Amino acid sequence: MDERKNNLLKVIVETYIKTVRPVGSKALCDMFNLSSATIRNEMADLEEMGYLEKNHISSGRVPSEAGYRYYVSNLMEPEKLTGGDMLKLQKIFANTDLELSDAINKCMDIISEITNYTSVVLGKSSEDNTLLQINIIDLGNNQVVAVVCTDKGNVENKMFTLDSNINVKEVIKTSEIINKMLVGTPINDVSNRLELEVKPIIKTQIRQYETVYNIFYDAFNDFVNNNSNIHVTGKTKIFEQPEYNDVSELKRLANKLEDKSFIEKVEENSDEDEIKVYIGKENKFDSNVTIIRKKYHINGEEGTIAVIGPKRMDYQRIVGLLEYIDEKLDSRKDK
């Protein structure tokens, strides 16, 4: 595509992103010092090439999915952060008391706040952990705490109040059997092995084995549920965008944002470490949104940060923000 069409498409995309109004030829004449007829011809060519679409309620054009893709791949330049945005993020990274995961979550909270898009952090899930040990702590008064520890250093505590006919020593004995049989098992597989392998054994050794078994089953299930490490901010922010003023569309997307299985699709096939942009049908989450995401690997921790917005997303700003966060995360390596 020649330089004039490139420049014209860039201006149309960026104007539409800001105004949410179809762009007509008159608005571009002075900017390009060209006649309205010439601009119309160029816009017609861009439409024929599939980069623009005619809006049915006006004579202006809007970018197509292909137009956004061409813009992102060939024309867009990441936007430098404003002083205010940079200061908000710098404060988080300057707080050395914050755990890395908390710092990442807070940064993405800020991005959601300043952009009115939805932000997502997908850390390492429980499936990456194997059982290191489970301990039972007797608190007295028929209360115990089950402590699940994994090889990745993750720890989950769950308190139980025992029935009066349950002996704490039997609960502790069951934990010893589990440690002997299941250490090294992926956490997501523990419940299944608990049912098939451990339960038949404690049935012969523990009097109230069903009740005792349920204590451990619940403890492991809680670990899996609490360590999915999905952090979503601004689920309703995206609905402030005019693309989602239709009630049925709003409900459909809202349901996806509440569904863990759909949120996990944000990072599907994300093998690349660089910032990636998935527009409309390119992403597996929803064909009516854009997802911009970046994987991180910091001191043994890894995950994905992502922003979900309309296809009319402010690509320059979001890519600039994620580049800044990536740079700051990189500076925390081995510290």
C-alpha atoms as a PDB file:
ATOM      1  CA  MET A   1       0.000   0.000   0.000  1.00  0.00           C
ATOM      2  CA  ASP A   2       1.375   3.431  -0.930  1.00  0.00           C
ATOM      3  CA  GLU A   3       2.318   6.074   1.618  1.00  0.00           C
ATOM      4  CA  ARG A   4      -0.770   8.218   1.103  1.00  0.00           C
ATOM      5  CA  LYS A   5      -3.147   5.334   1.742  1.00  0.00           C
ATOM      6  CA  ASN A   6      -1.071   4.331   4.775  1.00  0.00           C
ATOM      7  CA  ASN A   7      -1.296   7.839   6.230  1.00  0.00           C
ATOM      8  CA  LEU A   8      -4.974   8.101   5.422  1.00  0.00           C
ATOM      9  CA  LEU A   9      -5.822   4.774   7.060  1.00  0.00           C
ATOM     10  CA  LYS A  10      -3.756   5.662  10.140  1.00  0.00           C
ATOM     11  CA  VAL A  11      -5.651   8.927  10.608  1.00  0.00           C
ATOM     12  CA  ILE A  12      -9.046   7.290  10.036  1.00  0.00           C
ATOM     13  CA  VAL A  13      -8.354   4.536  12.573  1.00  0.00           C
ATOM     14  CA  GLU A  14      -7.023   6.912  15.232  1.00  0.00           C
ATOM     15  CA  THR A  15      -9.825   9.431  14.645  1.00  0.00           C
ATOM     16  CA  TYR A  16     -12.493   6.756  14.940  1.00  0.00           C
ATOM     17  CA  ILE A  17     -10.888   5.363  18.107  1.00  0.00           C
ATOM     18  CA  LYS A  18     -11.126   8.797  19.722  1.00  0.00           C
ATOM     19  CA  THR A  19     -14.487  10.033  18.405  1.00  0.00           C
ATOM     20  CA  VAL A  20     -16.463   6.812  17.795  1.00  0.00           C
ATOM     21  CA  ARG A  21     -17.873   8.580  14.744  1.00  0.00           C
ATOM     22  CA  PRO A  22     -17.552   7.481  11.107  1.00  0.00           C
ATOM     23  CA  VAL A  23     -14.904   9.537   9.330  1.00  0.00           C
ATOM     24  CA  GLY A  24     -15.963  11.441   6.211  1.00  0.00           C
ATOM     25  CA  SER A  25     -13.869  12.938   3.425  1.00  0.00           C
ATOM     26  CA  LYS A  26     -14.498  16.560   4.446  1.00  0.00           C
ATOM     27  CA  ALA A  27     -12.743  16.074   7.788  1.00  0.00           C
ATOM     28  CA  LEU A  28      -9.600  14.886   5.982  1.00  0.00           C
ATOM     29  CA  CYS A  29      -9.289  17.433   3.149  1.00  0.00           C
ATOM     30  CA  ASP A  30      -7.450  20.149   5.071  1.00  0.00           C
ATOM     31  CA  MET A  31      -5.288  17.660   6.914  1.00  0.00           C
ATOM     32  CA  PHE A  32      -3.980  16.124   3.701  1.00  0.00           C
ATOM     33  CA  ASN A  33      -4.351  19.220   1.502  1.00  0.00           C
ATOM     34  CA  LEU A  34      -6.299  17.161  -1.008  1.00  0.00           C
ATOM     35  CA  SER A  35      -9.674  17.640  -2.679  1.00  0.00           C
ATOM     36  CA  SER A  36     -12.743  15.938  -1.298  1.00  0.00           C
ATOM     37  CA  ALA A  37     -13.021  13.898  -4.508  1.00  0.00           C
ATOM     38  CA  THR A  38      -9.458  12.602  -4.152  1.00  0.00           C
ATOM     39  CA  ILE A  39     -10.046  11.655  -0.511  1.00  0.00           C
ATOM     40  CA  ARG A  40     -13.281   9.864  -1.445  1.00  0.00           C
ATOM     41  CA  ASN A  41     -11.475   7.892  -4.131  1.00  0.00           C
ATOM     42  CA  GLU A  42      -8.719   6.864  -1.725  1.00  0.00           C
ATOM     43  CA  MET A  43     -11.294   5.861   0.889  1.00  0.00           C
ATOM     44  CA  ALA A  44     -13.179   3.843  -1.709  1.00  0.00           C
ATOM     45  CA  ASP A  45      -9.925   2.045  -2.580  1.00  0.00           C
ATOM     46  CA  LEU A  46      -9.302   1.281   1.096  1.00  0.00           C
ATOM     47  CA  GLU A  47     -12.849  -0.029   1.384  1.00  0.00           C
ATOM     48  CA  GLU A  48     -12.352  -2.233  -1.669  1.00  0.00           C
ATOM     49  CA  MET A  49      -9.128  -3.551  -0.118  1.00  0.00           C
ATOM     50  CA  GLY A  50     -11.138  -4.534   2.981  1.00  0.00           C
ATOM     51  CA  TYR A  51      -9.603  -2.039   5.416  1.00  0.00           C
ATOM     52  CA  LEU A  52     -12.626   0.271   5.755  1.00  0.00           C
ATOM     53  CA  GLU A  53     -16.350  -0.308   6.020  1.00  0.00           C
ATOM     54  CA  LYS A  54     -19.216   1.944   5.060  1.00  0.00           C
ATOM     55  CA  ASN A  55     -21.365   3.001   7.972  1.00  0.00           C
ATOM     56  CA  HIS A  56     -25.036   2.565   7.132  1.00  0.00           C
ATOM     57  CA  ILE A  57     -26.144   5.762   8.856  1.00  0.00           C
ATOM     58  CA  SER A  58     -23.650   8.183   7.307  1.00  0.00           C
ATOM     59  CA  SER A  59     -21.348   8.725   4.373  1.00  0.00           C
ATOM     60  CA  GLY A  60     -18.307   8.172   6.576  1.00  0.00           C
ATOM     61  CA  ARG A  61     -16.211   5.040   6.946  1.00  0.00           C
ATOM     62  CA  VAL A  62     -15.073   3.045   9.935  1.00  0.00           C
ATOM     63  CA  PRO A  63     -12.138   0.610  10.217  1.00  0.00           C
ATOM     64  CA  SER A  64     -12.838  -3.055   9.558  1.00  0.00           C
ATOM     65  CA  GLU A  65     -11.183  -5.859  11.502  1.00  0.00           C
ATOM     66  CA  ALA A  66      -8.650  -6.128   8.695  1.00  0.00           C
ATOM     67  CA  GLY A  67      -8.105  -2.377   8.928  1.00  0.00           C
ATOM     68  CA  TYR A  68      -7.335  -2.573  12.630  1.00  0.00           C
ATOM     69  CA  ARG A  69      -4.982  -5.492  11.984  1.00  0.00           C
ATOM     70  CA  TYR A  70      -3.105  -3.597   9.256  1.00  0.00           C
ATOM     71  CA  TYR A  71      -2.901  -0.556  11.531  1.00  0.00           C
ATOM     72  CA  VAL A  72      -1.512  -2.545  14.470  1.00  0.00           C
ATOM     73  CA  SER A  73       0.963  -4.496  12.328  1.00  0.00           C
ATOM     74  CA  ASN A  74       2.221  -1.666  10.127  1.00  0.00           C
ATOM     75  CA  LEU A  75       1.230   1.816  11.267  1.00  0.00           C
ATOM     76  CA  MET A  76       0.843   1.985  15.045  1.00  0.00           C
ATOM     77  CA  GLU A  77       3.527   3.314  17.365  1.00  0.00           C
ATOM     78  CA  PRO A  78       3.264   2.699  21.131  1.00  0.00           C
ATOM     79  CA  GLU A  79       2.292   5.843  22.991  1.00  0.00           C
ATOM     80  CA  LYS A  80       4.571   7.248  25.673  1.00  0.00           C
ATOM     81  CA  LEU A  81       2.992   7.352  29.112  1.00  0.00           C
ATOM     82  CA  THR A  82       1.703  10.619  30.497  1.00  0.00           C
ATOM     83  CA  GLY A  83       3.352  11.884  33.658  1.00  0.00           C
ATOM     84  CA  GLY A  84       0.230  11.047  35.668  1.00  0.00           C
ATOM     85  CA  ASP A  85      -0.006   7.471  34.422  1.00  0.00           C
ATOM     86  CA  MET A  86       3.703   6.892  34.970  1.00  0.00           C
ATOM     87  CA  LEU A  87       3.545   8.248  38.522  1.00  0.00           C
ATOM     88  CA  LYS A  88       0.668   5.921  39.456  1.00  0.00           C
ATOM     89  CA  LEU A  89       2.579   2.871  38.246  1.00  0.00           C
ATOM     90  CA  GLN A  90       5.926   4.003  39.661  1.00  0.00           C
ATOM     91  CA  LYS A  91       4.407   4.202  43.149  1.00  0.00           C
ATOM     92  CA  ILE A  92       3.535   0.533  42.983  1.00  0.00           C
ATOM     93  CA  PHE A  93       6.988  -0.595  41.863  1.00  0.00           C
ATOM     94  CA  ALA A  94       8.620   1.676  44.450  1.00  0.00           C
ATOM     95  CA  ASN A  95       6.805  -0.209  47.225  1.00  0.00           C
ATOM     96  CA  THR A  96       9.326  -2.980  47.912  1.00  0.00           C
ATOM     97  CA  ASP A  97       7.033  -4.491  50.572  1.00  0.00           C
ATOM     98  CA  LEU A  98       4.613  -5.626  47.868  1.00  0.00           C
ATOM     99  CA  GLU A  99       4.856  -9.203  46.669  1.00  0.00           C
ATOM    100  CA  LEU A 100       5.441  -9.428  42.937  1.00  0.00           C
ATOM    101  CA  SER A 101       1.987 -10.902  42.285  1.00  0.00           C
ATOM    102  CA  ASP A 102       0.340  -8.095  44.270  1.00  0.00           C
ATOM    103  CA  ALA A 103       2.323  -5.463  42.356  1.00  0.00           C
ATOM    104  CA  ILE A 104       1.214  -6.945  39.030  1.00  0.00           C
ATOM    105  CA  ASN A 105      -2.421  -7.058  40.154  1.00  0.00           C
ATOM    106  CA  LYS A 106      -2.340  -3.439  41.344  1.00  0.00           C
ATOM    107  CA  CYS A 107      -0.746  -2.281  38.080  1.00  0.00           C
ATOM    108  CA  MET A 108      -3.483  -3.931  36.051  1.00  0.00           C
ATOM    109  CA  ASP A 109      -6.104  -2.422  38.377  1.00  0.00           C
ATOM    110  CA  ILE A 110      -4.707   1.000  37.490  1.00  0.00           C
ATOM    111  CA  ILE A 111      -4.752   0.241  33.765  1.00  0.00           C
ATOM    112  CA  SER A 112      -8.429  -0.685  34.027  1.00  0.00           C
ATOM    113  CA  GLU A 113      -9.135   2.492  35.961  1.00  0.00           C
ATOM    114  CA  ILE A 114      -7.423   4.882  33.527  1.00  0.00           C
ATOM    115  CA  THR A 115      -8.566   3.231  30.290  1.00  0.00           C
ATOM    116  CA  ASN A 116     -12.092   1.996  31.085  1.00  0.00           C
ATOM    117  CA  TYR A 117     -11.185  -1.439  29.779  1.00  0.00           C
ATOM    118  CA  THR A 118     -11.143  -4.782  31.603  1.00  0.00           C
ATOM    119  CA  SER A 119      -7.769  -6.040  32.822  1.00  0.00           C
ATOM    120  CA  VAL A 120      -6.807  -9.637  33.538  1.00  0.00           C
ATOM    121  CA  VAL A 121      -3.897 -11.293  35.326  1.00  0.00           C
ATOM    122  CA  LEU A 122      -3.504 -15.037  34.888  1.00  0.00           C
ATOM    123  CA  GLY A 123      -0.804 -16.335  37.195  1.00  0.00           C
ATOM    124  CA  LYS A 124       0.421 -19.892  37.455  1.00  0.00           C
ATOM    125  CA  SER A 125      -2.526 -22.113  38.291  1.00  0.00           C
ATOM    126  CA  SER A 126      -2.728 -24.962  40.754  1.00  0.00           C
ATOM    127  CA  GLU A 127      -2.076 -27.457  37.945  1.00  0.00           C
ATOM    128  CA  ASP A 128       1.581 -26.372  38.022  1.00  0.00           C
ATOM    129  CA  ASN A 129       1.912 -27.507  41.656  1.00  0.00           C
ATOM    130  CA  THR A 130       2.590 -30.946  43.086  1.00  0.00           C
ATOM    131  CA  LEU A 131       1.836 -31.992  46.648  1.00  0.00           C
ATOM    132  CA  LEU A 132       4.764 -31.508  49.014  1.00  0.00           C
ATOM    133  CA  GLN A 133       2.895 -32.387  52.199  1.00  0.00           C
ATOM    134  CA  ILE A 134      -0.330 -31.959  54.127  1.00  0.00           C
ATOM    135  CA  ASN A 135      -0.182 -31.304  57.851  1.00  0.00           C
ATOM    136  CA  ILE A 136      -2.883 -31.343  60.516  1.00  0.00           C
ATOM    137  CA  ILE A 137      -2.602 -28.827  63.362  1.00  0.00           C
ATOM    138  CA  ASP A 138      -4.664 -29.591  66.462  1.00  0.00           C
ATOM    139  CA  LEU A 139      -6.112 -26.350  67.867  1.00  0.00           C
ATOM    140  CA  GLY A 140      -8.032 -28.055  70.672  1.00  0.00           C
ATOM    141  CA  ASN A 141     -11.790 -27.830  71.263  1.00  0.00           C
ATOM    142  CA  ASN A 142     -12.391 -30.229  68.358  1.00  0.00           C
ATOM    143  CA  GLN A 143     -10.834 -27.795  65.880  1.00  0.00           C
ATOM    144  CA  VAL A 144      -8.041 -28.590  63.427  1.00  0.00           C
ATOM    145  CA  VAL A 145      -6.328 -26.791  60.568  1.00  0.00           C
ATOM    146  CA  ALA A 146      -5.339 -28.667  57.415  1.00  0.00           C
ATOM    147  CA  VAL A 147      -2.257 -27.109  55.817  1.00  0.00           C
ATOM    148  CA  VAL A 148      -1.601 -28.035  52.178  1.00  0.00           C
ATOM    149  CA  CYS A 149       1.928 -27.248  50.899  1.00  0.00           C
ATOM    150  CA  THR A 150       3.206 -27.607  47.327  1.00  0.00           C
ATOM    151  CA  ASP A 151       6.587 -27.840  45.655  1.00  0.00           C
ATOM    152  CA  LYS A 152       6.125 -24.260  44.360  1.00  0.00           C
ATOM    153  CA  GLY A 153       5.900 -22.873  47.877  1.00  0.00           C
ATOM    154  CA  ASN A 154       2.143 -22.331  47.807  1.00  0.00           C
ATOM    155  CA  VAL A 155       0.358 -22.911  51.105  1.00  0.00           C
ATOM    156  CA  GLU A 156      -3.374 -23.140  51.791  1.00  0.00           C
ATOM    157  CA  ASN A 157      -4.946 -23.410  55.254  1.00  0.00           C
ATOM    158  CA  LYS A 158      -8.456 -24.649  56.011  1.00  0.00           C
ATOM    159  CA  MET A 159     -10.001 -24.883  59.463  1.00  0.00           C
ATOM    160  CA  PHE A 160     -12.445 -27.662  60.423  1.00  0.00           C
ATOM    161  CA  THR A 161     -14.578 -28.258  63.472  1.00  0.00           C
ATOM    162  CA  LEU A 162     -14.692 -32.012  64.148  1.00  0.00           C
ATOM    163  CA  ASP A 163     -17.715 -33.927  65.282  1.00  0.00           C
ATOM    164  CA  SER A 164     -17.401 -35.038  68.897  1.00  0.00           C
ATOM    165  CA  ASN A 165     -17.044 -38.683  67.813  1.00  0.00           C
ATOM    166  CA  ILE A 166     -13.983 -37.940  65.643  1.00  0.00           C
ATOM    167  CA  ASN A 167     -10.569 -38.561  67.211  1.00  0.00           C
ATOM    168  CA  VAL A 168      -7.942 -36.010  66.145  1.00  0.00           C
ATOM    169  CA  LYS A 169      -5.317 -38.760  66.167  1.00  0.00           C
ATOM    170  CA  GLU A 170      -7.192 -40.529  63.360  1.00  0.00           C
ATOM    171  CA  VAL A 171      -7.191 -37.334  61.293  1.00  0.00           C
ATOM    172  CA  ILE A 172      -3.440 -36.989  61.824  1.00  0.00           C
ATOM    173  CA  LYS A 173      -2.943 -40.658  60.944  1.00  0.00           C
ATOM    174  CA  THR A 174      -4.839 -40.101  57.670  1.00  0.00           C
ATOM    175  CA  SER A 175      -2.590 -37.169  56.813  1.00  0.00           C
ATOM    176  CA  GLU A 176       0.436 -39.432  57.309  1.00  0.00           C
ATOM    177  CA  ILE A 177      -1.053 -42.013  54.925  1.00  0.00           C
ATOM    178  CA  ILE A 178      -1.703 -39.318  52.324  1.00  0.00           C
ATOM    179  CA  ASN A 179       1.836 -37.973  52.620  1.00  0.00           C
ATOM    180  CA  LYS A 180       3.252 -41.463  52.190  1.00  0.00           C
ATOM    181  CA  MET A 181       1.153 -42.224  49.117  1.00  0.00           C
ATOM    182  CA  LEU A 182       0.540 -38.927  47.300  1.00  0.00           C
ATOM    183  CA  VAL A 183       3.586 -36.667  47.730  1.00  0.00           C
ATOM    184  CA  GLY A 184       4.705 -35.593  44.254  1.00  0.00           C
ATOM    185  CA  THR A 185       1.216 -35.898  42.771  1.00  0.00           C
ATOM    186  CA  PRO A 186      -0.028 -32.896  40.726  1.00  0.00           C
ATOM    187  CA  ILE A 187      -2.473 -31.013  42.941  1.00  0.00           C
ATOM    188  CA  ASN A 188      -5.239 -31.273  40.350  1.00  0.00           C
ATOM    189  CA  ASP A 189      -4.936 -35.082  40.441  1.00  0.00           C
ATOM    190  CA  VAL A 190      -4.885 -35.464  44.229  1.00  0.00           C
ATOM    191  CA  SER A 191      -8.662 -35.616  44.720  1.00  0.00           C
ATOM    192  CA  ASN A 192      -9.003 -38.430  42.193  1.00  0.00           C
ATOM    193  CA  ARG A 193      -6.179 -40.471  43.754  1.00  0.00           C
ATOM    194  CA  LEU A 194      -7.599 -39.718  47.193  1.00  0.00           C
ATOM    195  CA  GLU A 195     -10.869 -41.383  46.150  1.00  0.00           C
ATOM    196  CA  LEU A 196      -9.397 -44.343  44.277  1.00  0.00           C
ATOM    197  CA  GLU A 197      -6.284 -45.192  46.316  1.00  0.00           C
ATOM    198  CA  VAL A 198      -6.382 -43.617  49.758  1.00  0.00           C
ATOM    199  CA  LYS A 199     -10.043 -44.044  50.690  1.00  0.00           C
ATOM    200  CA  PRO A 200      -9.982 -47.886  50.460  1.00  0.00           C
ATOM    201  CA  ILE A 201      -6.988 -47.936  52.818  1.00  0.00           C
ATOM    202  CA  ILE A 202      -8.344 -45.570  55.492  1.00  0.00           C
ATOM    203  CA  LYS A 203     -11.632 -47.468  55.334  1.00  0.00           C
ATOM    204  CA  THR A 204      -9.828 -50.388  56.994  1.00  0.00           C
ATOM    205  CA  GLN A 205      -7.968 -48.264  59.562  1.00  0.00           C
ATOM    206  CA  ILE A 206     -10.153 -45.270  60.482  1.00  0.00           C
ATOM    207  CA  ARG A 207     -13.482 -45.695  62.235  1.00  0.00           C
ATOM    208  CA  GLN A 208     -15.289 -42.598  60.900  1.00  0.00           C
ATOM    209  CA  TYR A 209     -13.418 -42.777  57.633  1.00  0.00           C
ATOM    210  CA  GLU A 210     -16.092 -41.037  55.498  1.00  0.00           C
ATOM    211  CA  THR A 211     -16.046 -37.917  57.659  1.00  0.00           C
ATOM    212  CA  VAL A 212     -12.266 -37.919  57.909  1.00  0.00           C
ATOM    213  CA  TYR A 213     -11.937 -38.465  54.159  1.00  0.00           C
ATOM    214  CA  ASN A 214     -14.177 -35.439  53.479  1.00  0.00           C
ATOM    215  CA  ILE A 215     -11.886 -33.210  55.545  1.00  0.00           C
ATOM    216  CA  PHE A 216      -8.985 -33.893  53.206  1.00  0.00           C
ATOM    217  CA  TYR A 217     -11.119 -33.872  50.073  1.00  0.00           C
ATOM    218  CA  ASP A 218     -12.432 -30.400  50.976  1.00  0.00           C
ATOM    219  CA  ALA A 219      -8.943 -29.134  51.820  1.00  0.00           C
ATOM    220  CA  PHE A 220      -7.518 -30.151  48.443  1.00  0.00           C
ATOM    221  CA  ASN A 221     -10.535 -28.819  46.547  1.00  0.00           C
ATOM    222  CA  ASP A 222     -10.190 -25.478  48.312  1.00  0.00           C
ATOM    223  CA  PHE A 223      -6.534 -25.349  47.316  1.00  0.00           C
ATOM    224  CA  VAL A 224      -7.382 -25.865  43.642  1.00  0.00           C
ATOM    225  CA  ASN A 225     -10.215 -23.313  43.718  1.00  0.00           C
ATOM    226  CA  ASN A 226      -8.232 -20.649  45.607  1.00  0.00           C
ATOM    227  CA  ASN A 227      -5.068 -20.959  43.548  1.00  0.00           C
ATOM    228  CA  SER A 228      -6.397 -20.492  40.040  1.00  0.00           C
ATOM    229  CA  ASN A 229      -4.685 -17.072  40.260  1.00  0.00           C
ATOM    230  CA  ILE A 230      -7.131 -15.283  37.984  1.00  0.00           C
ATOM    231  CA  HIS A 231      -7.422 -11.591  38.795  1.00  0.00           C
ATOM    232  CA  VAL A 232     -10.001  -9.629  36.775  1.00  0.00           C
ATOM    233  CA  THR A 233     -10.535  -5.896  37.267  1.00  0.00           C
ATOM    234  CA  GLY A 234     -13.099  -3.611  35.677  1.00  0.00           C
ATOM    235  CA  LYS A 235     -15.566  -6.242  34.506  1.00  0.00           C
ATOM    236  CA  THR A 236     -18.131  -3.472  34.059  1.00  0.00           C
ATOM    237  CA  LYS A 237     -15.679  -0.897  32.689  1.00  0.00           C
ATOM    238  CA  ILE A 238     -15.851  -2.337  29.200  1.00  0.00           C
ATOM    239  CA  PHE A 239     -19.619  -1.812  29.189  1.00  0.00           C
ATOM    240  CA  GLU A 240     -19.070   1.944  29.298  1.00  0.00           C
ATOM    241  CA  GLN A 241     -17.931   1.624  25.678  1.00  0.00           C
ATOM    242  CA  PRO A 242     -20.688   2.404  23.126  1.00  0.00           C
ATOM    243  CA  GLU A 243     -20.124  -0.893  21.322  1.00  0.00           C
ATOM    244  CA  TYR A 244     -21.893  -2.675  24.155  1.00  0.00           C
ATOM    245  CA  ASN A 245     -25.068  -0.608  24.575  1.00  0.00           C
ATOM    246  CA  ASP A 246     -27.215  -3.495  23.339  1.00  0.00           C
ATOM    247  CA  VAL A 247     -28.642  -5.320  26.368  1.00  0.00           C
ATOM    248  CA  SER A 248     -28.336  -8.818  24.893  1.00  0.00           C
ATOM    249  CA  GLU A 249     -24.720  -8.181  23.858  1.00  0.00           C
ATOM    250  CA  LEU A 250     -23.939  -6.779  27.303  1.00  0.00           C
ATOM    251  CA  LYS A 251     -25.387  -9.851  29.044  1.00  0.00           C
ATOM    252  CA  ARG A 252     -23.548 -12.236  26.732  1.00  0.00           C
ATOM    253  CA  LEU A 253     -20.181 -10.614  27.368  1.00  0.00           C
ATOM    254  CA  ALA A 254     -20.869 -10.168  31.099  1.00  0.00           C
ATOM    255  CA  ASN A 255     -21.474 -13.906  31.428  1.00  0.00           C
ATOM    256  CA  LYS A 256     -18.121 -14.638  29.799  1.00  0.00           C
ATOM    257  CA  LEU A 257     -16.307 -12.259  32.137  1.00  0.00           C
ATOM    258  CA  GLU A 258     -17.776 -14.165  35.092  1.00  0.00           C
ATOM    259  CA  ASP A 259     -16.835 -17.586  33.690  1.00  0.00           C
ATOM    260  CA  LYS A 260     -13.372 -18.841  34.660  1.00  0.00           C
ATOM    261  CA  SER A 261     -13.203 -21.182  31.668  1.00  0.00           C
ATOM    262  CA  PHE A 262     -13.731 -18.270  29.274  1.00  0.00           C
ATOM    263  CA  ILE A 263     -11.252 -16.008  31.075  1.00  0.00           C
ATOM    264  CA  GLU A 264      -8.631 -18.736  30.752  1.00  0.00           C
ATOM    265  CA  LYS A 265      -9.046 -18.541  26.964  1.00  0.00           C
ATOM    266  CA  VAL A 266      -7.332 -15.128  27.173  1.00  0.00           C
ATOM    267  CA  GLU A 267      -3.959 -16.861  27.397  1.00  0.00           C
ATOM    268  CA  GLU A 268      -4.587 -19.821  25.081  1.00  0.00           C
ATOM    269  CA  ASN A 269      -1.756 -20.402  22.592  1.00  0.00           C
ATOM    270  CA  SER A 270       0.315 -17.649  24.226  1.00  0.00           C
ATOM    271  CA  ASP A 271       3.769 -19.112  23.672  1.00  0.00           C
ATOM    272  CA  GLU A 272       5.299 -15.819  22.549  1.00  0.00           C
ATOM    273  CA  ASP A 273       6.870 -13.486  25.092  1.00  0.00           C
ATOM    274  CA  GLU A 274       6.320 -10.245  23.194  1.00  0.00           C
ATOM    275  CA  ILE A 275       3.166  -8.139  23.417  1.00  0.00           C
ATOM    276  CA  LYS A 276       0.513  -9.698  21.199  1.00  0.00           C
ATOM    277  CA  VAL A 277      -2.690  -8.152  19.870  1.00  0.00           C
ATOM    278  CA  TYR A 278      -5.706 -10.353  19.054  1.00  0.00           C
ATOM    279  CA  ILE A 279      -8.485  -8.525  17.241  1.00  0.00           C
ATOM    280  CA  GLY A 280     -12.025  -9.872  17.033  1.00  0.00           C
ATOM    281  CA  LYS A 281     -12.027 -13.370  15.567  1.00  0.00           C
ATOM    282  CA  GLU A 282      -8.274 -13.713  16.214  1.00  0.00           C
ATOM    283  CA  ASN A 283      -8.900 -14.338  19.931  1.00  0.00           C
ATOM    284  CA  LYS A 284     -10.664 -17.324  21.503  1.00  0.00           C
ATOM    285  CA  PHE A 285     -12.418 -15.321  24.206  1.00  0.00           C
ATOM    286  CA  ASP A 286     -14.947 -13.336  22.169  1.00  0.00           C
ATOM    287  CA  SER A 287     -15.110 -12.182  18.542  1.00  0.00           C
ATOM    288  CA  ASN A 288     -16.455  -8.763  19.505  1.00  0.00           C
ATOM    289  CA  VAL A 289     -13.441  -7.674  21.567  1.00  0.00           C
ATOM    290  CA  THR A 290      -9.724  -7.080  21.218  1.00  0.00           C
ATOM    291  CA  ILE A 291      -7.260  -8.649  23.653  1.00  0.00           C
ATOM    292  CA  ILE A 292      -3.748  -7.266  24.127  1.00  0.00           C
ATOM    293  CA  ARG A 293      -1.579  -9.491  26.293  1.00  0.00           C
ATOM    294  CA  LYS A 294       1.965 -10.056  27.493  1.00  0.00           C
ATOM    295  CA  LYS A 295       3.533 -13.048  29.218  1.00  0.00           C
ATOM    296  CA  TYR A 296       5.922 -12.492  32.114  1.00  0.00           C
ATOM    297  CA  HIS A 297       8.683 -14.629  33.645  1.00  0.00           C
ATOM    298  CA  ILE A 298      10.113 -13.085  36.811  1.00  0.00           C
ATOM    299  CA  ASN A 299      12.232 -14.947  39.372  1.00  0.00           C
ATOM    300  CA  GLY A 300      10.436 -18.241  38.904  1.00  0.00           C
ATOM    301  CA  GLU A 301       6.972 -16.686  38.661  1.00  0.00           C
ATOM    302  CA  GLU A 302       5.167 -16.618  35.351  1.00  0.00           C
ATOM    303  CA  GLY A 303       1.793 -15.664  33.992  1.00  0.00           C
ATOM    304  CA  THR A 304      -0.034 -13.415  31.555  1.00  0.00           C
ATOM    305  CA  ILE A 305      -1.270  -9.838  31.819  1.00  0.00           C
ATOM    306  CA  ALA A 306      -3.973  -8.751  29.405  1.00  0.00           C
ATOM    307  CA  VAL A 307      -6.377  -5.942  28.569  1.00  0.00           C
ATOM    308  CA  ILE A 308      -9.814  -6.627  27.063  1.00  0.00           C
ATOM    309  CA  GLY A 309     -11.605  -3.867  25.191  1.00  0.00           C
ATOM    310  CA  PRO A 310     -13.593  -3.132  22.049  1.00  0.00           C
ATOM    311  CA  LYS A 311     -12.044  -3.615  18.622  1.00  0.00           C
ATOM    312  CA  ARG A 312     -11.956   0.193  18.647  1.00  0.00           C
ATOM    313  CA  MET A 313      -9.363  -0.029  21.411  1.00  0.00           C
ATOM    314  CA  ASP A 314      -6.759   2.671  21.999  1.00  0.00           C
ATOM    315  CA  TYR A 315      -3.999   0.343  20.780  1.00  0.00           C
ATOM    316  CA  GLN A 316      -1.165   2.870  21.073  1.00  0.00           C
ATOM    317  CA  ARG A 317      -1.904   3.627  24.703  1.00  0.00           C
ATOM    318  CA  ILE A 318      -2.440   0.042  25.843  1.00  0.00           C
ATOM    319  CA  VAL A 319       0.714  -1.246  24.159  1.00  0.00           C
ATOM    320  CA  GLY A 320       2.656   1.650  25.681  1.00  0.00           C
ATOM    321  CA  LEU A 321       1.309   0.857  29.156  1.00  0.00           C
ATOM    322  CA  LEU A 322       2.103  -2.861  28.872  1.00  0.00           C
ATOM    323  CA  GLU A 323       5.609  -2.085  27.581  1.00  0.00           C
ATOM    324  CA  TYR A 324       6.202   0.126  30.623  1.00  0.00           C
ATOM    325  CA  ILE A 325       4.978  -2.539  33.046  1.00  0.00           C
ATOM    326  CA  ASP A 326       7.112  -5.150  31.287  1.00  0.00           C
ATOM    327  CA  GLU A 327      10.157  -2.895  31.613  1.00  0.00           C
ATOM    328  CA  LYS A 328       9.517  -2.373  35.329  1.00  0.00           C
ATOM    329  CA  LEU A 329       8.959  -6.086  35.912  1.00  0.00           C
ATOM    330  CA  ASP A 330      12.200  -6.840  34.109  1.00  0.00           C
ATOM    331  CA  SER A 331      14.040  -4.506  36.484  1.00  0.00           C
ATOM    332  CA  ARG A 332      12.856  -6.650  39.442  1.00  0.00           C
ATOM    333  CA  LYS A 333      14.523  -9.790  38.189  1.00  0.00           C
ATOM    334  CA  ASP A 334      16.768 -11.417  40.789  1.00  0.00           C
ATOM    335  CA  LYS A 335      16.107  -8.696  43.344  1.00  0.00           C
END
